Structures are given as C-alpha cells and as structure tokens.
Amino acid sequence: MSDVLNIFTGSVTDIWTTSGFMNADWRQIVMLGVACVLLYLAIVKQFEPLLLLPISFGMLLANLPLAGLGSHTEGGLLYYLYQGVSLGIYPPLIFLGIGAMTDFGPLIANPKSFLLGAAAQGGIFFTFVGAIALGFSPQEAGSIAIIGGADGPTAIYTSTTLLRGTGNEAMIGSIAVAAYSYMALVPLIQPPIMKVLTTKKERAVVMDQLRPVSRTEKIIFPIIVTMLVSFLVPSAASLVGMLMLGNLMKESGVVDRLVKTATNELMNIITIFLGVTVGATTTYDVFLTWDTIKIVILGLVAFCLGTACGVLFGKLMYIFTGGKVNPLIGSAGVSAVPMAARVSQKVGAETDPTNFLLMHAMGPNVSGVIGSAVAAGVLISILG
C-alpha cells in the first residue's frame, strides 16, 4: 500500500513540477494578460475583430509555458503556416480579396483624390527619419514607418521583405500587432486630429455630387494602374497587381465564382492563417523589450502624422478650389478601408448632420491603399 501511495505521490509531484504553473516566466504571464486585453477589445469593443481576435489568440498560444507553439518553433503547425508570412504569400492574397471588395468608382470620378492618398503617406517617410535617429537600422526604420499607412498586410509584407535574413525577424510580430491595433483604433485616434486641424466652416463644406463612372472606365482602371505602378515601382507590383486583379474580376462581371471565393473563402482562410501565425511570433522574450515600446510609439506617430498630412493637404485643396473640398476627406487617405472614410463621414456629420461625405472620402481611402503599397515598394527598392 505504501508503494502505491509513493508511486501516486511521485506521479503527482512530477506532473506538478513539469507543468506550466511551475515553469512560467513572469513575462509570459504579462504577455498572456496583454493577449486577454486584446481579446477583450476584439470581442467586447469589436475593434477590427476579424484580425485582432486571431492575432491576440496567437499571442496567447505563443506564450503558454512549455507549449512551444510560437511561429518560430520549428516543426509545429504554426511554424509551417507562418511560412506564408515569411515568404510574402499571405499579404498579396489579402490584397486580392480587398480588390475584389473595393469600388474604385469614387477615385475614378475624382482623380484629385490620388493627391490626398499620396499626401497621407507622408507620415511614413517622416517617421522613417525619426526611427533612424533613434538608432534603428534603415531596414528596421522602413519596416516601422510603414505602420503609418494603416495597412496591416502592407506592414507585414514590407517588414518580412526588409528584415528577412537580417537576424531581426522577431520585430515582425511587434510591427504587425502595432499596425493592426492602430487600424482598429482609427475611430479613436483620427477625430481629435481632424478637429484640431480644421475649422467648423471647413468641416461644414458640402461637396458636389460625384459624376457617374462607366463600366468601361472601371475595367480599364485596374489594368492601367497595374502597368503604371509596376513600371514606376517594380517592388510594389506584387501588392498592387493582386489588388487590381481582384478589382478587375469584380468589375468584369464574368467571373462571379472567383470573386465570391476571393472575398469569402480565400479571404477568411488567409486572414485566420495570417492573424494566428503573426500573433504567435510575439513571444515574451522578443515582445517585452524597449524596441517594442519604441515601435509602438513610432507607429502611433507615423499614423498620426499620416492623418495630419492628409487633412493639411485637404486644407490646401480647400483653398485652391475656393472652398469646394472638405478637408476632412484628407484623413481618409490612410489605407484603413472603409473605416477611415466612415470616420470622415462621422466627423463631418457632427458639424452638419445633412452633409454626406462618405463617397467623397472613399476616393482618398482607396487611393491610400494604392499609396501605401507604392510607399512599401519605394522602401523595399531603396532598402531591400
């Protein structure tokens, strides 16, 4: 009887001493807490839940004591799924789905919107200089600065391309979490900046109705943009090409099955794979560092500067057009589609409930998607 008791006691002791409770690092506990906060924001506050939920749960998995579920743990499921991120496969496929869901009509109807989308990328290049000043390498600085485009797939694509083989791949998770977090927080971050930089008179401007756009224009547009951007910035061809392929499939009207797949099954599968595996790169040893704090701060600065640049350029257009452009639509020049456009509409409606800016803001918004991809291509061609 005593032998059985000893065996039982020893077994319980072994289980306890080899459990996660006995082997947890305090930093893992902190990361599990961060993951739970992000899950709360995704589920309760519904901040970009389609992306924030898988990312935060991937963070939770990666920091479970002794589980070995990080994306960099060779041989596991998440390791192999992460190769789609590491090899730059998932972001272009996400762009394919975005293109298939996007209407470029407002941009075609008002080509000046391209200028607002371009201006909003200014935060990327200002922050690049700031990151260099803080001691980051040019490749690291470019990867951090792209957060200002408010485009998670572009941030992941840029950082994986620039950081591959540098020994700093661990930064990708921090950059991705920051990028998606700020995308989710667009409704909280942008309005104060927009209100500070504009007057009530400017916010109340009612813009003329956009002209109708023909089907022919919508079909020709993605073809021309693909060729033009690819000739100018070949490094952006992967992202822009897939974005425009998705849009051409949508506007052609002849491949409905492919459009449904790109916008539903494929988009959902890639979102799960990308979110979970990126989240699983954020292990405590690489996430809880001063560099991560710098990345989060610089990413916020980049996003705020991008919003400010868009609004300020909108003010210039307001002046040069004799008050026909509402500067608020400039804030939609960041790439968070369609959330940034909705924020422009909301802030404008607070000044004048009868003012409808959404379609006008969609022009700069979809232009921002193209602009962020082009900015990424520029950084990759210079620093890659």
Protein backbone atom coordinates (compact mmCIF):
# COMPACT_ATOMS: atom_id res chain seq x y z
CA MET A 1 0.00 0.00 0.00
CA SER A 2 2.82 2.38 0.84
CA ASP A 3 4.47 1.60 -2.52
CA VAL A 4 1.29 2.52 -4.37
CA LEU A 5 0.99 5.70 -2.34
CA ASN A 6 4.62 6.59 -3.09
CA ILE A 7 4.11 5.98 -6.79
CA PHE A 8 0.95 8.10 -6.79
CA THR A 9 2.62 10.89 -4.83
CA GLY A 10 5.66 10.84 -7.11
CA SER A 11 3.48 10.96 -10.21
CA VAL A 12 1.52 13.93 -8.91
CA THR A 13 4.77 15.66 -7.96
CA ASP A 14 6.23 15.03 -11.42
CA ILE A 15 3.12 16.37 -13.13
CA TRP A 16 3.15 19.47 -10.96
CA THR A 17 6.88 20.20 -11.34
CA THR A 18 6.72 19.80 -15.13
CA SER A 19 3.53 21.83 -15.51
CA GLY A 20 3.28 25.34 -16.81
CA PHE A 21 2.35 26.58 -13.33
CA MET A 22 5.81 25.73 -12.03
CA ASN A 23 7.73 26.79 -15.14
CA ALA A 24 6.02 30.03 -16.12
CA ASP A 25 8.19 33.11 -16.55
CA TRP A 26 6.62 36.30 -15.19
CA ARG A 27 7.00 37.80 -18.66
CA GLN A 28 4.83 35.03 -20.07
CA ILE A 29 2.14 35.94 -17.57
CA VAL A 30 2.35 39.57 -18.68
CA MET A 31 2.03 38.54 -22.33
CA LEU A 32 -0.98 36.36 -21.53
CA GLY A 33 -2.52 39.41 -19.88
CA VAL A 34 -1.81 41.52 -22.97
CA ALA A 35 -3.40 38.82 -25.15
CA CYS A 36 -6.51 38.82 -22.96
CA VAL A 37 -6.78 42.62 -23.21
CA LEU A 38 -6.59 42.41 -27.00
CA LEU A 39 -9.20 39.65 -26.99
CA TYR A 40 -11.42 41.92 -24.91
CA LEU A 41 -11.00 44.74 -27.43
CA ALA A 42 -11.80 42.37 -30.29
CA ILE A 43 -14.81 40.64 -28.73
CA VAL A 44 -16.40 43.25 -26.46
CA LYS A 45 -15.37 46.50 -28.14
CA GLN A 46 -15.33 44.93 -31.63
CA PHE A 47 -12.13 46.72 -32.67
CA GLU A 48 -11.25 45.07 -36.02
CA PRO A 49 -12.27 41.64 -34.62
CA LEU A 50 -11.61 39.68 -37.81
CA LEU A 51 -7.91 40.39 -37.42
CA LEU A 52 -7.41 41.32 -33.78
CA LEU A 53 -9.05 38.14 -32.45
CA PRO A 54 -6.78 35.62 -34.28
CA ILE A 55 -3.71 37.78 -33.64
CA SER A 56 -4.37 38.02 -29.91
CA PHE A 57 -5.15 34.30 -29.62
CA GLY A 58 -1.95 33.53 -31.50
CA MET A 59 -0.14 35.68 -28.92
CA LEU A 60 -1.80 33.67 -26.17
CA LEU A 61 -0.72 30.36 -27.73
CA ALA A 62 2.86 31.51 -28.21
CA ASN A 63 3.27 32.44 -24.55
CA LEU A 64 1.81 29.34 -22.90
CA PRO A 65 4.60 27.90 -20.71
CA LEU A 66 6.33 24.83 -22.23
CA ALA A 67 3.76 24.57 -25.05
CA GLY A 68 6.26 25.50 -27.77
CA LEU A 69 3.59 26.94 -30.05
CA GLY A 70 5.44 30.00 -31.30
CA SER A 71 5.65 30.58 -35.04
CA HIS A 72 9.43 30.24 -34.86
CA THR A 73 9.30 26.85 -33.13
CA GLU A 74 10.42 24.63 -35.99
CA GLY A 75 8.31 21.59 -36.79
CA GLY A 76 4.97 22.74 -35.38
CA LEU A 77 1.78 23.61 -37.21
CA LEU A 78 2.13 27.35 -36.70
CA TYR A 79 5.73 27.22 -37.93
CA TYR A 80 4.65 25.83 -41.29
CA LEU A 81 1.66 28.15 -41.59
CA TYR A 82 3.97 31.08 -40.83
CA GLN A 83 5.94 30.37 -43.99
CA GLY A 84 3.12 32.11 -45.87
CA VAL A 85 4.04 35.26 -43.95
CA SER A 86 7.79 34.75 -44.13
CA LEU A 87 7.74 34.16 -47.89
CA GLY A 88 5.41 37.08 -48.57
CA ILE A 89 2.46 34.97 -49.76
CA TYR A 90 -0.41 35.97 -47.46
CA PRO A 91 -0.35 39.80 -47.85
CA PRO A 92 -0.79 39.80 -51.66
CA LEU A 93 -3.64 37.29 -51.30
CA ILE A 94 -5.27 39.60 -48.77
CA PHE A 95 -4.92 42.38 -51.33
CA LEU A 96 -6.63 40.16 -53.89
CA GLY A 97 -9.66 39.94 -51.61
CA ILE A 98 -9.58 43.66 -50.83
CA GLY A 99 -9.52 44.47 -54.54
CA ALA A 100 -12.50 42.20 -55.17
CA MET A 101 -14.47 44.04 -52.47
CA THR A 102 -13.46 47.60 -53.39
CA ASP A 103 -15.25 50.07 -55.65
CA PHE A 104 -12.74 52.42 -57.27
CA GLY A 105 -15.58 54.48 -58.75
CA PRO A 106 -15.20 57.45 -56.33
CA LEU A 107 -11.49 57.63 -57.12
CA ILE A 108 -12.08 57.47 -60.89
CA ALA A 109 -14.80 60.11 -60.62
CA ASN A 110 -12.49 62.44 -58.70
CA PRO A 111 -8.84 61.78 -59.70
CA LYS A 112 -7.67 64.57 -57.38
CA SER A 113 -8.27 62.05 -54.60
CA PHE A 114 -4.96 60.44 -55.62
CA LEU A 115 -3.19 63.52 -54.23
CA LEU A 116 -4.87 63.12 -50.84
CA GLY A 117 -3.98 59.43 -50.72
CA ALA A 118 -0.37 60.28 -51.57
CA ALA A 119 -0.20 63.09 -49.00
CA ALA A 120 -1.38 60.77 -46.23
CA GLN A 121 1.69 58.60 -46.80
CA GLY A 122 3.85 61.49 -45.59
CA GLY A 123 3.76 60.09 -42.07
CA ILE A 124 5.66 57.03 -43.30
CA PHE A 125 8.66 58.99 -44.53
CA PHE A 126 8.75 61.45 -41.61
CA THR A 127 8.73 58.54 -39.17
CA PHE A 128 11.44 56.74 -41.14
CA VAL A 129 13.79 59.62 -40.36
CA GLY A 130 12.75 59.57 -36.71
CA ALA A 131 13.37 55.82 -36.40
CA ILE A 132 16.85 56.25 -37.87
CA ALA A 133 17.51 58.97 -35.29
CA LEU A 134 16.51 56.54 -32.51
CA GLY A 135 19.14 54.06 -33.57
CA PHE A 136 17.21 51.62 -35.76
CA SER A 137 18.86 50.34 -38.92
CA PRO A 138 17.46 51.61 -42.25
CA GLN A 139 15.67 48.27 -42.81
CA GLU A 140 14.15 48.35 -39.33
CA ALA A 141 13.19 52.01 -39.70
CA GLY A 142 11.43 51.34 -43.01
CA SER A 143 9.54 48.40 -41.50
CA ILE A 144 8.39 50.50 -38.56
CA ALA A 145 7.50 53.58 -40.60
CA ILE A 146 5.14 51.67 -42.91
CA ILE A 147 2.77 51.34 -39.92
CA GLY A 148 1.77 54.91 -40.77
CA GLY A 149 -0.06 53.63 -43.82
CA ALA A 150 -2.59 51.95 -41.51
CA ASP A 151 -2.44 48.80 -43.61
CA GLY A 152 -1.62 45.59 -41.77
CA PRO A 153 -0.87 43.37 -44.82
CA THR A 154 1.42 46.04 -46.29
CA ALA A 155 3.24 46.41 -42.97
CA ILE A 156 3.76 42.64 -42.77
CA TYR A 157 4.87 42.39 -46.40
CA THR A 158 7.34 45.26 -46.04
CA SER A 159 8.81 44.10 -42.73
CA THR A 160 9.21 40.47 -43.83
CA THR A 161 10.91 41.59 -47.04
CA LEU A 162 13.25 44.09 -45.40
CA LEU A 163 14.07 42.09 -42.27
CA ARG A 164 14.47 38.65 -43.88
CA GLY A 165 17.98 37.38 -43.25
CA THR A 166 18.97 40.31 -41.00
CA GLY A 167 18.54 38.42 -37.73
CA ASN A 168 15.80 40.87 -36.67
CA GLU A 169 12.79 38.92 -37.95
CA ALA A 170 11.45 38.87 -34.39
CA MET A 171 10.39 42.51 -34.86
CA ILE A 172 7.77 41.49 -37.43
CA GLY A 173 5.28 40.43 -34.75
CA SER A 174 5.58 43.73 -32.88
CA ILE A 175 5.18 45.70 -36.10
CA ALA A 176 2.14 43.66 -37.16
CA VAL A 177 0.42 43.99 -33.78
CA ALA A 178 1.04 47.74 -33.75
CA ALA A 179 -0.23 48.13 -37.33
CA TYR A 180 -3.44 46.19 -36.74
CA SER A 181 -4.01 47.82 -33.37
CA TYR A 182 -3.88 51.30 -34.88
CA MET A 183 -6.13 50.17 -37.74
CA ALA A 184 -8.64 49.09 -35.10
CA LEU A 185 -8.28 52.37 -33.22
CA VAL A 186 -8.87 54.62 -36.25
CA PRO A 187 -12.23 55.87 -34.83
CA LEU A 188 -10.49 56.94 -31.62
CA ILE A 189 -7.22 58.35 -32.97
CA GLN A 190 -8.30 60.31 -36.04
CA PRO A 191 -11.19 62.56 -34.90
CA PRO A 192 -9.18 64.71 -32.43
CA ILE A 193 -6.50 65.33 -35.06
CA MET A 194 -9.12 66.20 -37.68
CA LYS A 195 -10.90 68.65 -35.40
CA VAL A 196 -7.71 70.39 -34.26
CA LEU A 197 -6.52 70.97 -37.83
CA THR A 198 -9.82 72.19 -39.32
CA THR A 199 -12.29 74.97 -38.63
CA LYS A 200 -16.03 74.49 -38.22
CA LYS A 201 -16.55 76.28 -41.54
CA GLU A 202 -14.21 73.84 -43.32
CA ARG A 203 -15.84 70.81 -41.72
CA ALA A 204 -19.26 72.01 -42.88
CA VAL A 205 -18.33 72.18 -46.58
CA VAL A 206 -20.83 70.29 -48.74
CA MET A 207 -19.11 68.80 -51.80
CA ASP A 208 -20.68 68.44 -55.24
CA GLN A 209 -22.11 65.05 -56.14
CA LEU A 210 -19.65 62.76 -57.93
CA ARG A 211 -20.24 62.01 -61.60
CA PRO A 212 -21.34 58.52 -62.67
CA VAL A 213 -18.50 56.20 -63.68
CA SER A 214 -18.96 53.87 -66.62
CA ARG A 215 -18.29 50.13 -66.56
CA THR A 216 -15.62 50.60 -69.24
CA GLU A 217 -13.73 53.06 -67.03
CA LYS A 218 -13.87 50.64 -64.10
CA ILE A 219 -12.46 47.81 -66.25
CA ILE A 220 -9.67 49.86 -67.80
CA PHE A 221 -8.62 51.46 -64.49
CA PRO A 222 -7.04 48.39 -62.78
CA ILE A 223 -5.17 47.45 -65.95
CA ILE A 224 -3.65 50.90 -66.37
CA VAL A 225 -2.80 51.27 -62.67
CA THR A 226 -1.09 47.87 -62.61
CA MET A 227 1.12 48.70 -65.58
CA LEU A 228 1.87 52.26 -64.49
CA VAL A 229 2.77 51.39 -60.88
CA SER A 230 4.75 48.31 -61.89
CA PHE A 231 6.83 50.29 -64.39
CA LEU A 232 7.49 53.06 -61.87
CA VAL A 233 7.99 50.93 -58.72
CA PRO A 234 8.52 47.26 -59.66
CA SER A 235 8.80 46.29 -55.97
CA ALA A 236 5.13 47.24 -55.49
CA ALA A 237 3.92 45.03 -58.36
CA SER A 238 3.07 42.08 -56.13
CA LEU A 239 0.70 44.03 -53.88
CA VAL A 240 -0.77 46.39 -56.46
CA GLY A 241 -1.06 43.64 -59.08
CA MET A 242 -3.11 41.39 -56.81
CA LEU A 243 -5.21 44.33 -55.62
CA MET A 244 -6.05 45.25 -59.20
CA LEU A 245 -6.61 41.64 -60.25
CA GLY A 246 -9.26 41.32 -57.55
CA ASN A 247 -10.88 44.58 -58.67
CA LEU A 248 -10.81 43.59 -62.35
CA MET A 249 -12.50 40.28 -61.53
CA LYS A 250 -15.22 42.23 -59.70
CA GLU A 251 -15.78 44.86 -62.37
CA SER A 252 -15.58 42.49 -65.36
CA GLY A 253 -18.74 40.70 -64.23
CA VAL A 254 -17.69 37.45 -65.91
CA VAL A 255 -16.05 35.54 -63.03
CA ASP A 256 -18.57 35.76 -60.21
CA ARG A 257 -17.43 32.42 -58.75
CA LEU A 258 -13.85 33.68 -58.46
CA VAL A 259 -15.00 36.93 -56.89
CA LYS A 260 -17.04 35.06 -54.29
CA THR A 261 -14.07 32.83 -53.49
CA ALA A 262 -11.65 35.77 -53.22
CA THR A 263 -13.97 37.79 -50.98
CA ASN A 264 -15.19 34.94 -48.80
CA GLU A 265 -13.46 31.55 -48.53
CA LEU A 266 -9.95 32.59 -49.57
CA MET A 267 -10.02 35.88 -47.66
CA ASN A 268 -11.28 34.21 -44.49
CA ILE A 269 -8.75 31.35 -44.63
CA ILE A 270 -5.78 33.65 -45.22
CA THR A 271 -6.98 36.04 -42.50
CA ILE A 272 -7.02 33.19 -39.97
CA PHE A 273 -3.61 31.87 -41.01
CA LEU A 274 -2.01 35.30 -41.09
CA GLY A 275 -3.54 36.51 -37.84
CA VAL A 276 -2.76 33.47 -35.73
CA THR A 277 0.79 32.99 -37.01
CA VAL A 278 1.72 36.66 -36.73
CA GLY A 279 0.33 36.73 -33.21
CA ALA A 280 2.35 33.63 -32.41
CA THR A 281 5.59 35.45 -33.22
CA THR A 282 5.10 37.72 -30.20
CA THR A 283 6.81 35.56 -27.60
CA TYR A 284 7.69 37.29 -24.36
CA ASP A 285 11.44 37.30 -25.00
CA VAL A 286 11.12 39.39 -28.18
CA PHE A 287 7.98 41.41 -27.40
CA LEU A 288 8.70 42.71 -23.91
CA THR A 289 11.67 44.87 -24.94
CA TRP A 290 12.45 48.55 -25.25
CA ASP A 291 12.49 48.15 -29.02
CA THR A 292 8.84 47.09 -28.92
CA ILE A 293 7.93 50.19 -26.91
CA LYS A 294 9.77 52.32 -29.47
CA ILE A 295 7.94 50.54 -32.30
CA VAL A 296 4.53 51.16 -30.70
CA ILE A 297 5.32 54.85 -30.13
CA LEU A 298 6.82 55.38 -33.59
CA GLY A 299 3.90 53.55 -35.18
CA LEU A 300 1.46 55.87 -33.42
CA VAL A 301 3.49 58.89 -34.51
CA ALA A 302 3.50 57.61 -38.10
CA PHE A 303 -0.24 57.08 -38.12
CA CYS A 304 -0.99 60.48 -36.56
CA LEU A 305 1.35 62.22 -38.98
CA GLY A 306 -0.25 60.41 -41.92
CA THR A 307 -3.69 61.58 -40.82
CA ALA A 308 -2.41 65.12 -40.29
CA CYS A 309 -0.69 65.23 -43.69
CA GLY A 310 -3.90 64.12 -45.39
CA VAL A 311 -6.01 66.74 -43.60
CA LEU A 312 -3.48 69.53 -44.21
CA PHE A 313 -3.33 68.72 -47.91
CA GLY A 314 -7.13 68.73 -47.87
CA LYS A 315 -6.96 72.27 -46.48
CA LEU A 316 -4.72 73.26 -49.39
CA MET A 317 -7.26 71.83 -51.81
CA TYR A 318 -9.98 73.71 -49.93
CA ILE A 319 -8.09 76.96 -50.52
CA PHE A 320 -7.17 76.34 -54.16
CA THR A 321 -10.69 75.21 -55.11
CA GLY A 322 -12.35 78.19 -53.43
CA GLY A 323 -13.86 76.14 -50.62
CA LYS A 324 -15.25 73.27 -52.70
CA VAL A 325 -13.25 70.49 -50.97
CA ASN A 326 -13.96 69.45 -47.39
CA PRO A 327 -10.54 68.93 -45.73
CA LEU A 328 -11.96 66.10 -43.60
CA ILE A 329 -11.78 63.69 -46.53
CA GLY A 330 -7.99 64.02 -46.44
CA SER A 331 -7.86 61.94 -43.25
CA ALA A 332 -9.26 59.01 -45.26
CA GLY A 333 -6.03 58.95 -47.26
CA VAL A 334 -4.68 56.32 -44.90
CA SER A 335 -5.29 52.77 -46.01
CA ALA A 336 -7.84 51.59 -43.43
CA VAL A 337 -10.72 50.80 -45.82
CA PRO A 338 -13.54 51.68 -45.31
CA MET A 339 -13.15 52.64 -41.66
CA ALA A 340 -11.22 55.86 -42.31
CA ALA A 341 -13.85 57.02 -44.81
CA ARG A 342 -16.57 56.35 -42.24
CA VAL A 343 -14.68 58.46 -39.71
CA SER A 344 -14.57 61.35 -42.19
CA GLN A 345 -18.32 60.98 -42.65
CA LYS A 346 -18.94 60.85 -38.89
CA VAL A 347 -16.86 63.94 -38.05
CA GLY A 348 -18.47 65.87 -40.91
CA ALA A 349 -21.96 64.85 -39.79
CA GLU A 350 -21.23 66.12 -36.28
CA THR A 351 -20.90 69.60 -37.77
CA ASP A 352 -23.73 69.27 -40.29
CA PRO A 353 -26.00 66.19 -39.99
CA THR A 354 -27.19 66.68 -43.58
CA ASN A 355 -23.66 66.54 -45.02
CA PHE A 356 -22.82 63.21 -46.65
CA LEU A 357 -19.06 62.83 -47.16
CA LEU A 358 -18.72 59.05 -47.29
CA MET A 359 -18.46 58.62 -51.06
CA HIS A 360 -16.14 61.63 -51.37
CA ALA A 361 -13.92 60.15 -48.64
CA MET A 362 -13.84 56.74 -50.35
CA GLY A 363 -11.76 58.26 -53.17
CA PRO A 364 -8.80 59.16 -50.92
CA ASN A 365 -9.38 55.98 -48.92
CA VAL A 366 -8.93 53.56 -51.82
CA SER A 367 -6.17 55.81 -53.12
CA GLY A 368 -4.48 55.28 -49.76
CA VAL A 369 -4.47 51.52 -50.34
CA ILE A 370 -2.59 52.05 -53.59
CA GLY A 371 -0.42 54.73 -51.98
CA SER A 372 0.65 52.53 -49.08
CA ALA A 373 1.59 49.72 -51.49
CA VAL A 374 3.61 52.16 -53.58
CA ALA A 375 5.30 53.55 -50.45
CA ALA A 376 6.16 49.98 -49.44
CA GLY A 377 7.61 49.37 -52.90
CA VAL A 378 9.73 52.50 -52.65
CA LEU A 379 11.11 51.47 -49.26
CA ILE A 380 11.82 47.93 -50.46
CA SER A 381 13.54 49.11 -53.65
CA ILE A 382 15.75 51.54 -51.71
CA LEU A 383 16.47 49.49 -48.59
CA GLY A 384 15.98 45.88 -49.70
